[in-house]
């Protein structure tokens, strides 16, 4: 899923399908590099709903732990309610694999949170 984030308060997080097409997921509500990224918006839901997503990072003994929290309210369709855990798991697994691949090569991944 080709996602883009503008890493500053008010920046957009969106799915980029090219040629000006895509799907808006939310706005950066808070960012405190390198420990917090918080996003507010409809995410994958195209109906009256809003979500708050938080990624909190901590480092200990050279390893980074990410704590993830997602809360939503509004009209949430049952198929989205059932699929949300597996959807987040897939996204997080791709992030983990990418980070581990860079770590194995002794490089740091280009952070989506990098300053513009």
PDB file of N, CA and C in Angstrom:
ATOM      1  N   UNK A   1       0.849  -1.168   0.000  1.00  0.00           N
ATOM      2  CA  UNK A   1       0.000   0.000   0.000  1.00  0.00           C
ATOM      3  C   UNK A   1       0.897   1.235   0.000  1.00  0.00           C
ATOM      4  N   UNK A   2       0.949   1.978  -1.085  1.00  0.00           N
ATOM      5  CA  UNK A   2       1.828   3.145  -1.164  1.00  0.00           C
ATOM      6  C   UNK A   2       1.300   4.326  -0.343  1.00  0.00           C
ATOM      7  N   UNK A   3       1.799   4.436   0.895  1.00  0.00           N
ATOM      8  CA  UNK A   3       1.356   5.494   1.798  1.00  0.00           C
ATOM      9  C   UNK A   3       2.408   6.598   1.841  1.00  0.00           C
ATOM     10  N   UNK A   4       1.941   7.827   2.050  1.00  0.00           N
ATOM     11  CA  UNK A   4       2.840   8.971   2.202  1.00  0.00           C
ATOM     12  C   UNK A   4       2.428   9.740   3.446  1.00  0.00           C
ATOM     13  N   UNK A   5       3.440  10.313   4.101  1.00  0.00           N
ATOM     14  CA  UNK A   5       3.158  11.142   5.269  1.00  0.00           C
ATOM     15  C   UNK A   5       3.969  12.422   5.163  1.00  0.00           C
ATOM     16  N   UNK A   6       3.336  13.521   5.494  1.00  0.00           N
ATOM     17  CA  UNK A   6       4.014  14.813   5.588  1.00  0.00           C
ATOM     18  C   UNK A   6       4.332  15.000   7.070  1.00  0.00           C
ATOM     19  N   UNK A   7       5.591  14.806   7.478  1.00  0.00           N
ATOM     20  CA  UNK A   7       5.945  14.680   8.897  1.00  0.00           C
ATOM     21  C   UNK A   7       6.064  16.001   9.653  1.00  0.00           C
ATOM     22  N   UNK A   8       4.942  16.717   9.780  1.00  0.00           N
ATOM     23  CA  UNK A   8       4.883  17.938  10.581  1.00  0.00           C
ATOM     24  C   UNK A   8       3.433  18.085  11.063  1.00  0.00           C
ATOM     25  N   UNK A   9       3.194  18.853  12.146  1.00  0.00           N
ATOM     26  CA  UNK A   9       1.833  19.038  12.631  1.00  0.00           C
ATOM     27  C   UNK A   9       0.923  19.558  11.521  1.00  0.00           C
ATOM     28  N   UNK A  10      -0.190  18.871  11.331  1.00  0.00           N
ATOM     29  CA  UNK A  10      -1.125  19.232  10.269  1.00  0.00           C
ATOM     30  C   UNK A  10      -0.836  18.550   8.951  1.00  0.00           C
ATOM     31  N   UNK A  11       0.313  17.879   8.833  1.00  0.00           N
ATOM     32  CA  UNK A  11       0.657  17.180   7.593  1.00  0.00           C
ATOM     33  C   UNK A  11      -0.310  16.036   7.312  1.00  0.00           C
ATOM     34  N   UNK A  12      -0.416  15.683   6.055  1.00  0.00           N
ATOM     35  CA  UNK A  12      -1.345  14.628   5.650  1.00  0.00           C
ATOM     36  C   UNK A  12      -0.688  13.256   5.690  1.00  0.00           C
ATOM     37  N   UNK A  13      -1.511  12.239   5.967  1.00  0.00           N
ATOM     38  CA  UNK A  13      -1.131  10.839   5.781  1.00  0.00           C
ATOM     39  C   UNK A  13      -2.141  10.293   4.789  1.00  0.00           C
ATOM     40  N   UNK A  14      -1.659   9.794   3.654  1.00  0.00           N
ATOM     41  CA  UNK A  14      -2.592   9.395   2.608  1.00  0.00           C
ATOM     42  C   UNK A  14      -2.030   8.262   1.773  1.00  0.00           C
ATOM     43  N   UNK A  15      -2.937   7.560   1.137  1.00  0.00           N
ATOM     44  CA  UNK A  15      -2.584   6.488   0.206  1.00  0.00           C
ATOM     45  C   UNK A  15      -2.466   7.116  -1.170  1.00  0.00           C
ATOM     46  N   UNK A  16      -1.276   7.011  -1.753  1.00  0.00           N
ATOM     47  CA  UNK A  16      -0.990   7.640  -3.042  1.00  0.00           C
ATOM     48  C   UNK A  16      -1.128   6.611  -4.158  1.00  0.00           C
ATOM     49  N   UNK A  17      -2.145   6.773  -4.997  1.00  0.00           N
ATOM     50  CA  UNK A  17      -2.363   5.862  -6.113  1.00  0.00           C
ATOM     51  C   UNK A  17      -1.823   6.417  -7.430  1.00  0.00           C
ATOM     52  N   UNK A  18      -1.178   7.590  -7.376  1.00  0.00           N
ATOM     53  CA  UNK A  18      -0.615   8.204  -8.573  1.00  0.00           C
ATOM     54  C   UNK A  18      -1.640   9.004  -9.361  1.00  0.00           C
ATOM     55  N   UNK A  19      -1.145   9.883 -10.207  1.00  0.00           N
ATOM     56  CA  UNK A  19      -1.986  10.722 -11.072  1.00  0.00           C
ATOM     57  C   UNK A  19      -3.039  11.510 -10.295  1.00  0.00           C
ATOM     58  N   UNK A  20      -2.697  11.935  -9.073  1.00  0.00           N
ATOM     59  CA  UNK A  20      -3.621  12.719  -8.268  1.00  0.00           C
ATOM     60  C   UNK A  20      -4.724  11.905  -7.603  1.00  0.00           C
ATOM     61  N   UNK A  21      -4.642  10.581  -7.674  1.00  0.00           N
ATOM     62  CA  UNK A  21      -5.639   9.699  -7.062  1.00  0.00           C
ATOM     63  C   UNK A  21      -5.127   9.177  -5.732  1.00  0.00           C
ATOM     64  N   UNK A  22      -6.050   8.870  -4.835  1.00  0.00           N
ATOM     65  CA  UNK A  22      -5.644   8.314  -3.565  1.00  0.00           C
ATOM     66  C   UNK A  22      -6.750   8.358  -2.545  1.00  0.00           C
ATOM     67  N   UNK A  23      -6.368   8.179  -1.289  1.00  0.00           N
ATOM     68  CA  UNK A  23      -7.320   8.125  -0.191  1.00  0.00           C
ATOM     69  C   UNK A  23      -6.704   8.800   1.024  1.00  0.00           C
ATOM     70  N   UNK A  24      -7.350   9.838   1.526  1.00  0.00           N
ATOM     71  CA  UNK A  24      -6.888  10.555   2.705  1.00  0.00           C
ATOM     72  C   UNK A  24      -7.131   9.711   3.948  1.00  0.00           C
ATOM     73  N   UNK A  25      -6.081   9.515   4.781  1.00  0.00           N
ATOM     74  CA  UNK A  25      -6.219   8.748   6.018  1.00  0.00           C
ATOM     75  C   UNK A  25      -6.277   9.654   7.238  1.00  0.00           C
ATOM     76  N   UNK A  26      -5.539  10.761   7.259  1.00  0.00           N
ATOM     77  CA  UNK A  26      -5.589  11.619   8.427  1.00  0.00           C
ATOM     78  C   UNK A  26      -4.560  12.725   8.383  1.00  0.00           C
ATOM     79  N   UNK A  27      -4.543  13.496   9.471  1.00  0.00           N
ATOM     80  CA  UNK A  27      -3.559  14.561   9.659  1.00  0.00           C
ATOM     81  C   UNK A  27      -2.675  14.228  10.853  1.00  0.00           C
ATOM     82  N   UNK A  28      -1.416  14.662  10.785  1.00  0.00           N
ATOM     83  CA  UNK A  28      -0.524  14.537  11.923  1.00  0.00           C
ATOM     84  C   UNK A  28      -1.049  15.477  13.002  1.00  0.00           C
ATOM     85  N   UNK A  29      -1.441  14.903  14.117  1.00  0.00           N
ATOM     86  CA  UNK A  29      -1.968  15.686  15.232  1.00  0.00           C
ATOM     87  C   UNK A  29      -0.827  16.122  16.145  1.00  0.00           C
ATOM     88  N   UNK A  30       0.141  15.217  16.350  1.00  0.00           N
ATOM     89  CA  UNK A  30       1.305  15.532  17.177  1.00  0.00           C
ATOM     90  C   UNK A  30       2.491  14.731  16.666  1.00  0.00           C
ATOM     91  N   UNK A  31       3.659  15.356  16.716  1.00  0.00           N
ATOM     92  CA  UNK A  31       4.893  14.663  16.365  1.00  0.00           C
ATOM     93  C   UNK A  31       5.978  15.204  17.289  1.00  0.00           C
ATOM     94  N   UNK A  32       6.651  14.303  17.959  1.00  0.00           N
ATOM     95  CA  UNK A  32       7.768  14.641  18.838  1.00  0.00           C
ATOM     96  C   UNK A  32       8.877  13.651  18.518  1.00  0.00           C
ATOM     97  N   UNK A  33       9.721  14.034  17.588  1.00  0.00           N
ATOM     98  CA  UNK A  33      10.809  13.153  17.151  1.00  0.00           C
ATOM     99  C   UNK A  33      11.779  12.898  18.289  1.00  0.00           C
ATOM    100  N   UNK A  34      12.193  11.703  18.524  1.00  0.00           N
ATOM    101  CA  UNK A  34      11.845  10.453  17.850  1.00  0.00           C
ATOM    102  C   UNK A  34      10.898   9.583  18.665  1.00  0.00           C
ATOM    103  N   UNK A  35      10.042  10.164  19.514  1.00  0.00           N
ATOM    104  CA  UNK A  35       9.282   9.339  20.450  1.00  0.00           C
ATOM    105  C   UNK A  35       7.784   9.242  20.203  1.00  0.00           C
ATOM    106  N   UNK A  36       7.199  10.116  19.396  1.00  0.00           N
ATOM    107  CA  UNK A  36       5.750  10.103  19.250  1.00  0.00           C
ATOM    108  C   UNK A  36       5.317  10.526  17.854  1.00  0.00           C
ATOM    109  N   UNK A  37       4.357   9.790  17.326  1.00  0.00           N
ATOM    110  CA  UNK A  37       3.629  10.189  16.123  1.00  0.00           C
ATOM    111  C   UNK A  37       2.163   9.898  16.393  1.00  0.00           C
ATOM    112  N   UNK A  38       1.333  10.942  16.281  1.00  0.00           N
ATOM    113  CA  UNK A  38      -0.099  10.799  16.537  1.00  0.00           C
ATOM    114  C   UNK A  38      -0.851  11.343  15.335  1.00  0.00           C
ATOM    115  N   UNK A  39      -1.819  10.573  14.864  1.00  0.00           N
ATOM    116  CA  UNK A  39      -2.579  10.924  13.663  1.00  0.00           C
ATOM    117  C   UNK A  39      -4.067  10.865  13.978  1.00  0.00           C
ATOM    118  N   UNK A  40      -4.811  11.815  13.417  1.00  0.00           N
ATOM    119  CA  UNK A  40      -6.256  11.868  13.593  1.00  0.00           C
ATOM    120  C   UNK A  40      -6.904  11.955  12.224  1.00  0.00           C
ATOM    121  N   UNK A  41      -7.924  11.128  11.991  1.00  0.00           N
ATOM    122  CA  UNK A  41      -8.628  11.178  10.711  1.00  0.00           C
ATOM    123  C   UNK A  41      -9.467   9.943  10.483  1.00  0.00           C
ATOM    124  N   UNK A  42     -10.058   9.826   9.298  1.00  0.00           N
ATOM    125  CA  UNK A  42     -10.948   8.703   9.010  1.00  0.00           C
ATOM    126  C   UNK A  42     -10.217   7.379   8.742  1.00  0.00           C
ATOM    127  N   UNK A  43      -8.914   7.450   8.466  1.00  0.00           N
ATOM    128  CA  UNK A  43      -8.114   6.281   8.089  1.00  0.00           C
ATOM    129  C   UNK A  43      -8.746   5.585   6.899  1.00  0.00           C
ATOM    130  N   UNK A  44      -9.005   4.301   7.018  1.00  0.00           N
ATOM    131  CA  UNK A  44      -9.491   3.478   5.905  1.00  0.00           C
ATOM    132  C   UNK A  44     -11.010   3.549   5.748  1.00  0.00           C
ATOM    133  N   UNK A  45     -11.683   4.359   6.566  1.00  0.00           N
ATOM    134  CA  UNK A  45     -13.142   4.392   6.570  1.00  0.00           C
ATOM    135  C   UNK A  45     -13.649   5.576   5.739  1.00  0.00           C
ATOM    136  N   UNK A  46     -14.495   5.294   4.766  1.00  0.00           N
ATOM    137  CA  UNK A  46     -15.047   6.339   3.898  1.00  0.00           C
ATOM    138  C   UNK A  46     -16.489   6.631   4.274  1.00  0.00           C
ATOM    139  N   UNK A  47     -16.696   6.878   5.554  1.00  0.00           N
ATOM    140  CA  UNK A  47     -18.014   7.211   6.068  1.00  0.00           C
ATOM    141  C   UNK A  47     -17.805   7.980   7.366  1.00  0.00           C
ATOM    142  N   UNK A  48     -18.876   8.460   8.038  1.00  0.00           N
ATOM    143  CA  UNK A  48     -18.702   9.330   9.207  1.00  0.00           C
ATOM    144  C   UNK A  48     -18.051   8.615  10.396  1.00  0.00           C
ATOM    145  N   UNK A  49     -16.749   8.727  10.470  1.00  0.00           N
ATOM    146  CA  UNK A  49     -15.976   8.135  11.562  1.00  0.00           C
ATOM    147  C   UNK A  49     -14.668   8.896  11.679  1.00  0.00           C
ATOM    148  N   UNK A  50     -14.092   8.868  12.861  1.00  0.00           N
ATOM    149  CA  UNK A  50     -12.788   9.491  13.075  1.00  0.00           C
ATOM    150  C   UNK A  50     -11.972   8.566  13.964  1.00  0.00           C
ATOM    151  N   UNK A  51     -10.682   8.535  13.721  1.00  0.00           N
ATOM    152  CA  UNK A  51      -9.760   7.695  14.486  1.00  0.00           C
ATOM    153  C   UNK A  51      -8.638   8.533  15.072  1.00  0.00           C
ATOM    154  N   UNK A  52      -8.064   8.003  16.112  1.00  0.00           N
ATOM    155  CA  UNK A  52      -6.834   8.540  16.680  1.00  0.00           C
ATOM    156  C   UNK A  52      -5.853   7.373  16.726  1.00  0.00           C
ATOM    157  N   UNK A  53      -4.689   7.570  16.131  1.00  0.00           N
ATOM    158  CA  UNK A  53      -3.645   6.547  16.097  1.00  0.00           C
ATOM    159  C   UNK A  53      -2.412   7.126  16.767  1.00  0.00           C
ATOM    160  N   UNK A  54      -1.806   6.339  17.657  1.00  0.00           N
ATOM    161  CA  UNK A  54      -0.588   6.779  18.340  1.00  0.00           C
ATOM    162  C   UNK A  54       0.503   5.729  18.180  1.00  0.00           C
ATOM    163  N   UNK A  55       1.679   6.191  17.805  1.00  0.00           N
ATOM    164  CA  UNK A  55       2.884   5.373  17.806  1.00  0.00           C
ATOM    165  C   UNK A  55       3.831   6.010  18.826  1.00  0.00           C
ATOM    166  N   UNK A  56       4.141   5.295  19.899  1.00  0.00           N
ATOM    167  CA  UNK A  56       5.082   5.774  20.912  1.00  0.00           C
ATOM    168  C   UNK A  56       6.309   4.877  20.867  1.00  0.00           C
ATOM    169  N   UNK A  57       7.477   5.503  20.690  1.00  0.00           N
ATOM    170  CA  UNK A  57       8.721   4.758  20.557  1.00  0.00           C
ATOM    171  C   UNK A  57       9.610   4.969  21.769  1.00  0.00           C
ATOM    172  N   UNK A  58      10.216   3.868  22.226  1.00  0.00           N
ATOM    173  CA  UNK A  58      11.209   3.934  23.291  1.00  0.00           C
ATOM    174  C   UNK A  58      12.391   3.081  22.876  1.00  0.00           C
ATOM    175  N   UNK A  59      13.577   3.507  23.300  1.00  0.00           N
ATOM    176  CA  UNK A  59      14.787   2.755  22.977  1.00  0.00           C
ATOM    177  C   UNK A  59      15.400   2.243  24.264  1.00  0.00           C
ATOM    178  N   UNK A  60      15.814   0.980  24.237  1.00  0.00           N
ATOM    179  CA  UNK A  60      16.463   0.363  25.380  1.00  0.00           C
ATOM    180  C   UNK A  60      17.432  -0.691  24.876  1.00  0.00           C
ATOM    181  N   UNK A  61      18.677  -0.604  25.332  1.00  0.00           N
ATOM    182  CA  UNK A  61      19.712  -1.568  24.949  1.00  0.00           C
ATOM    183  C   UNK A  61      19.855  -1.698  23.430  1.00  0.00           C
ATOM    184  N   UNK A  62      19.753  -0.591  22.725  1.00  0.00           N
ATOM    185  CA  UNK A  62      19.954  -0.594  21.272  1.00  0.00           C
ATOM    186  C   UNK A  62      18.764  -1.100  20.474  1.00  0.00           C
ATOM    187  N   UNK A  63      17.652  -1.378  21.119  1.00  0.00           N
ATOM    188  CA  UNK A  63      16.452  -1.834  20.415  1.00  0.00           C
ATOM    189  C   UNK A  63      15.330  -0.827  20.621  1.00  0.00           C
ATOM    190  N   UNK A  64      14.522  -0.658  19.595  1.00  0.00           N
ATOM    191  CA  UNK A  64      13.396   0.266  19.670  1.00  0.00           C
ATOM    192  C   UNK A  64      12.105  -0.523  19.807  1.00  0.00           C
ATOM    193  N   UNK A  65      11.301  -0.118  20.771  1.00  0.00           N
ATOM    194  CA  UNK A  65       9.981  -0.704  20.976  1.00  0.00           C
ATOM    195  C   UNK A  65       8.941   0.327  20.557  1.00  0.00           C
ATOM    196  N   UNK A  66       7.964  -0.136  19.789  1.00  0.00           N
ATOM    197  CA  UNK A  66       6.879   0.735  19.354  1.00  0.00           C
ATOM    198  C   UNK A  66       5.601   0.281  20.038  1.00  0.00           C
ATOM    199  N   UNK A  67       4.963   1.203  20.756  1.00  0.00           N
ATOM    200  CA  UNK A  67       3.644   0.942  21.331  1.00  0.00           C
ATOM    201  C   UNK A  67       2.627   1.608  20.428  1.00  0.00           C
ATOM    202  N   UNK A  68       1.630   0.846  20.029  1.00  0.00           N
ATOM    203  CA  UNK A  68       0.631   1.291  19.074  1.00  0.00           C
ATOM    204  C   UNK A  68      -0.741   1.315  19.740  1.00  0.00           C
ATOM    205  N   UNK A  69      -1.493   2.364  19.471  1.00  0.00           N
ATOM    206  CA  UNK A  69      -2.860   2.467  19.988  1.00  0.00           C
ATOM    207  C   UNK A  69      -3.748   3.070  18.907  1.00  0.00           C
ATOM    208  N   UNK A  70      -4.902   2.449  18.670  1.00  0.00           N
ATOM    209  CA  UNK A  70      -5.875   2.950  17.699  1.00  0.00           C
ATOM    210  C   UNK A  70      -7.247   2.970  18.364  1.00  0.00           C
ATOM    211  N   UNK A  71      -7.887   4.121  18.362  1.00  0.00           N
ATOM    212  CA  UNK A  71      -9.256   4.263  18.856  1.00  0.00           C
ATOM    213  C   UNK A  71     -10.079   4.965  17.779  1.00  0.00           C
ATOM    214  N   UNK A  72     -11.341   4.571  17.656  1.00  0.00           N
ATOM    215  CA  UNK A  72     -12.209   5.173  16.643  1.00  0.00           C
ATOM    216  C   UNK A  72     -13.606   5.345  17.196  1.00  0.00           C
ATOM    217  N   UNK A  73     -14.303   6.344  16.637  1.00  0.00           N
ATOM    218  CA  UNK A  73     -15.695   6.502  16.995  1.00  0.00           C
ATOM    219  C   UNK A  73     -16.468   7.008  15.795  1.00  0.00           C
ATOM    220  N   UNK A  74     -17.752   6.671  15.794  1.00  0.00           N
ATOM    221  CA  UNK A  74     -18.609   7.045  14.683  1.00  0.00           C
ATOM    222  C   UNK A  74     -19.272   5.811  14.114  1.00  0.00           C
ATOM    223  N   UNK A  75     -19.763   5.938  12.909  1.00  0.00           N
ATOM    224  CA  UNK A  75     -20.400   4.820  12.215  1.00  0.00           C
ATOM    225  C   UNK A  75     -19.290   3.898  11.703  1.00  0.00           C
ATOM    226  N   UNK A  76     -19.069   2.798  12.381  1.00  0.00           N
ATOM    227  CA  UNK A  76     -17.996   1.876  11.987  1.00  0.00           C
ATOM    228  C   UNK A  76     -18.647   0.580  11.520  1.00  0.00           C
ATOM    229  N   UNK A  77     -18.473   0.288  10.252  1.00  0.00           N
ATOM    230  CA  UNK A  77     -19.105  -0.889   9.668  1.00  0.00           C
ATOM    231  C   UNK A  77     -18.492  -2.166  10.229  1.00  0.00           C
ATOM    232  N   UNK A  78     -19.304  -3.192  10.341  1.00  0.00           N
ATOM    233  CA  UNK A  78     -18.888  -4.446  10.961  1.00  0.00           C
ATOM    234  C   UNK A  78     -17.692  -5.085  10.254  1.00  0.00           C
ATOM    235  N   UNK A  79     -17.636  -5.018   8.915  1.00  0.00           N
ATOM    236  CA  UNK A  79     -16.501  -5.618   8.212  1.00  0.00           C
ATOM    237  C   UNK A  79     -15.193  -4.903   8.554  1.00  0.00           C
ATOM    238  N   UNK A  80     -15.235  -3.596   8.753  1.00  0.00           N
ATOM    239  CA  UNK A  80     -14.038  -2.870   9.176  1.00  0.00           C
ATOM    240  C   UNK A  80     -13.684  -3.223  10.617  1.00  0.00           C
ATOM    241  N   UNK A  81     -14.678  -3.321  11.472  1.00  0.00           N
ATOM    242  CA  UNK A  81     -14.445  -3.669  12.876  1.00  0.00           C
ATOM    243  C   UNK A  81     -13.758  -5.036  12.975  1.00  0.00           C
ATOM    244  N   UNK A  82     -14.205  -5.984  12.161  1.00  0.00           N
ATOM    245  CA  UNK A  82     -13.629  -7.343  12.192  1.00  0.00           C
ATOM    246  C   UNK A  82     -12.222  -7.383  11.588  1.00  0.00           C
ATOM    247  N   UNK A  83     -11.966  -6.578  10.569  1.00  0.00           N
ATOM    248  CA  UNK A  83     -10.699  -6.669   9.843  1.00  0.00           C
ATOM    249  C   UNK A  83      -9.602  -5.745  10.330  1.00  0.00           C
ATOM    250  N   UNK A  84      -9.910  -4.842  11.263  1.00  0.00           N
ATOM    251  CA  UNK A  84      -8.939  -3.817  11.640  1.00  0.00           C
ATOM    252  C   UNK A  84      -7.682  -4.422  12.283  1.00  0.00           C
ATOM    253  N   UNK A  85      -7.809  -5.415  13.140  1.00  0.00           N
ATOM    254  CA  UNK A  85      -6.635  -5.987  13.810  1.00  0.00           C
ATOM    255  C   UNK A  85      -5.697  -6.645  12.806  1.00  0.00           C
ATOM    256  N   UNK A  86      -6.242  -7.403  11.867  1.00  0.00           N
ATOM    257  CA  UNK A  86      -5.373  -8.052  10.879  1.00  0.00           C
ATOM    258  C   UNK A  86      -4.772  -7.025   9.921  1.00  0.00           C
ATOM    259  N   UNK A  87      -5.520  -5.969   9.614  1.00  0.00           N
ATOM    260  CA  UNK A  87      -4.978  -4.924   8.742  1.00  0.00           C
ATOM    261  C   UNK A  87      -3.794  -4.211   9.372  1.00  0.00           C
ATOM    262  N   UNK A  88      -3.934  -3.818  10.653  1.00  0.00           N
ATOM    263  CA  UNK A  88      -2.808  -3.177  11.346  1.00  0.00           C
ATOM    264  C   UNK A  88      -1.643  -4.147  11.466  1.00  0.00           C
ATOM    265  N   UNK A  89      -1.923  -5.417  11.729  1.00  0.00           N
ATOM    266  CA  UNK A  89      -0.840  -6.405  11.858  1.00  0.00           C
ATOM    267  C   UNK A  89      -0.033  -6.500  10.565  1.00  0.00           C
ATOM    268  N   UNK A  90      -0.708  -6.475   9.433  1.00  0.00           N
ATOM    269  CA  UNK A  90      -0.006  -6.538   8.149  1.00  0.00           C
ATOM    270  C   UNK A  90       0.878  -5.311   7.943  1.00  0.00           C
ATOM    271  N   UNK A  91       0.356  -4.129   8.255  1.00  0.00           N
ATOM    272  CA  UNK A  91       1.138  -2.900   8.111  1.00  0.00           C
ATOM    273  C   UNK A  91       2.353  -2.940   9.031  1.00  0.00           C
ATOM    274  N   UNK A  92       2.153  -3.331  10.273  1.00  0.00           N
ATOM    275  CA  UNK A  92       3.253  -3.357  11.240  1.00  0.00           C
ATOM    276  C   UNK A  92       4.296  -4.416  10.901  1.00  0.00           C
ATOM    277  N   UNK A  93       3.882  -5.525  10.338  1.00  0.00           N
ATOM    278  CA  UNK A  93       4.834  -6.553   9.923  1.00  0.00           C
ATOM    279  C   UNK A  93       5.732  -6.036   8.798  1.00  0.00           C
ATOM    280  N   UNK A  94       5.174  -5.290   7.858  1.00  0.00           N
ATOM    281  CA  UNK A  94       5.994  -4.706   6.789  1.00  0.00           C
ATOM    282  C   UNK A  94       6.997  -3.707   7.357  1.00  0.00           C
ATOM    283  N   UNK A  95       6.583  -2.918   8.330  1.00  0.00           N
ATOM    284  CA  UNK A  95       7.488  -1.956   8.970  1.00  0.00           C
ATOM    285  C   UNK A  95       8.619  -2.707   9.679  1.00  0.00           C
ATOM    286  N   UNK A  96       8.269  -3.763  10.431  1.00  0.00           N
ATOM    287  CA  UNK A  96       9.283  -4.549  11.150  1.00  0.00           C
ATOM    288  C   UNK A  96      10.304  -5.152  10.181  1.00  0.00           C
ATOM    289  N   UNK A  97       9.837  -5.752   9.111  1.00  0.00           N
ATOM    290  CA  UNK A  97      10.748  -6.362   8.135  1.00  0.00           C
ATOM    291  C   UNK A  97      11.669  -5.330   7.505  1.00  0.00           C
ATOM    292  N   UNK A  98      11.124  -4.177   7.187  1.00  0.00           N
ATOM    293  CA  UNK A  98      11.943  -3.118   6.587  1.00  0.00           C
ATOM    294  C   UNK A  98      13.028  -2.655   7.556  1.00  0.00           C
ATOM    295  N   UNK A  99      12.652  -2.429   8.813  1.00  0.00           N
ATOM    296  CA  UNK A  99      13.619  -1.986   9.817  1.00  0.00           C
ATOM    297  C   UNK A  99      14.692  -3.039  10.052  1.00  0.00           C
ATOM    298  N   UNK A 100      14.310  -4.309  10.130  1.00  0.00           N
ATOM    299  CA  UNK A 100      15.280  -5.375  10.357  1.00  0.00           C
ATOM    300  C   UNK A 100      16.226  -5.536   9.175  1.00  0.00           C
ATOM    301  N   UNK A 101      15.720  -5.368   7.959  1.00  0.00           N
ATOM    302  CA  UNK A 101      16.578  -5.476   6.777  1.00  0.00           C
ATOM    303  C   UNK A 101      17.651  -4.392   6.788  1.00  0.00           C
ATOM    304  N   UNK A 102      17.267  -3.181   7.125  1.00  0.00           N
ATOM    305  CA  UNK A 102      18.237  -2.092   7.200  1.00  0.00           C
ATOM    306  C   UNK A 102      19.221  -2.327   8.336  1.00  0.00           C
ATOM    307  N   UNK A 103      18.742  -2.814   9.460  1.00  0.00           N
ATOM    308  CA  UNK A 103      19.598  -3.069  10.613  1.00  0.00           C
ATOM    309  C   UNK A 103      20.643  -4.128  10.287  1.00  0.00           C
ATOM    310  N   UNK A 104      20.253  -5.152   9.563  1.00  0.00           N
ATOM    311  CA  UNK A 104      21.175  -6.225   9.192  1.00  0.00           C
ATOM    312  C   UNK A 104      22.290  -5.716   8.278  1.00  0.00           C
ATOM    313  N   UNK A 105      22.016  -4.686   7.505  1.00  0.00           N
ATOM    314  CA  UNK A 105      23.026  -4.108   6.606  1.00  0.00           C
ATOM    315  C   UNK A 105      23.818  -3.013   7.298  1.00  0.00           C
ATOM    316  N   UNK A 106      23.501  -2.756   8.570  1.00  0.00           N
ATOM    317  CA  UNK A 106      24.228  -1.724   9.313  1.00  0.00           C
ATOM    318  C   UNK A 106      23.824  -0.317   8.930  1.00  0.00           C
ATOM    319  N   UNK A 107      22.650  -0.184   8.324  1.00  0.00           N
ATOM    320  CA  UNK A 107      22.162   1.136   7.922  1.00  0.00           C
ATOM    321  C   UNK A 107      20.879   1.432   8.669  1.00  0.00           C
ATOM    322  N   UNK A 108      20.588   2.695   8.802  1.00  0.00           N
ATOM    323  CA  UNK A 108      19.309   3.104   9.369  1.00  0.00           C
ATOM    324  C   UNK A 108      18.354   3.365   8.219  1.00  0.00           C
ATOM    325  N   UNK A 109      17.096   2.929   8.347  1.00  0.00           N
ATOM    326  CA  UNK A 109      16.132   3.214   7.272  1.00  0.00           C
ATOM    327  C   UNK A 109      15.868   4.701   7.161  1.00  0.00           C
ATOM    328  N   UNK A 110      15.591   5.139   5.946  1.00  0.00           N
ATOM    329  CA  UNK A 110      15.175   6.528   5.765  1.00  0.00           C
ATOM    330  C   UNK A 110      13.840   6.671   6.459  1.00  0.00           C
ATOM    331  N   UNK A 111      13.831   7.467   7.462  1.00  0.00           N
ATOM    332  CA  UNK A 111      12.647   7.596   8.288  1.00  0.00           C
ATOM    333  C   UNK A 111      11.570   8.390   7.574  1.00  0.00           C
ATOM    334  N   UNK A 112      10.354   7.898   7.655  1.00  0.00           N
ATOM    335  CA  UNK A 112       9.218   8.647   7.149  1.00  0.00           C
ATOM    336  C   UNK A 112       9.005   9.875   8.017  1.00  0.00           C
ATOM    337  N   UNK A 113       9.676   9.928   9.175  1.00  0.00           N
ATOM    338  CA  UNK A 113       9.538  11.041  10.085  1.00  0.00           C
ATOM    339  C   UNK A 113      10.642  12.061   9.888  1.00  0.00           C
ATOM    340  N   UNK A 114      11.540  11.826   8.942  1.00  0.00           N
ATOM    341  CA  UNK A 114      12.664  12.728   8.741  1.00  0.00           C
ATOM    342  C   UNK A 114      12.181  14.148   8.527  1.00  0.00           C
ATOM    343  N   UNK A 115      12.973  15.060   8.988  1.00  0.00           N
ATOM    344  CA  UNK A 115      12.595  16.468   8.786  1.00  0.00           C
ATOM    345  C   UNK A 115      12.628  16.801   7.311  1.00  0.00           C
ATOM    346  N   UNK A 116      11.669  17.608   6.854  1.00  0.00           N
ATOM    347  CA  UNK A 116      11.603  17.956   5.411  1.00  0.00           C
ATOM    348  C   UNK A 116      12.807  18.782   4.990  1.00  0.00           C
TER     349      UNK A 116
END
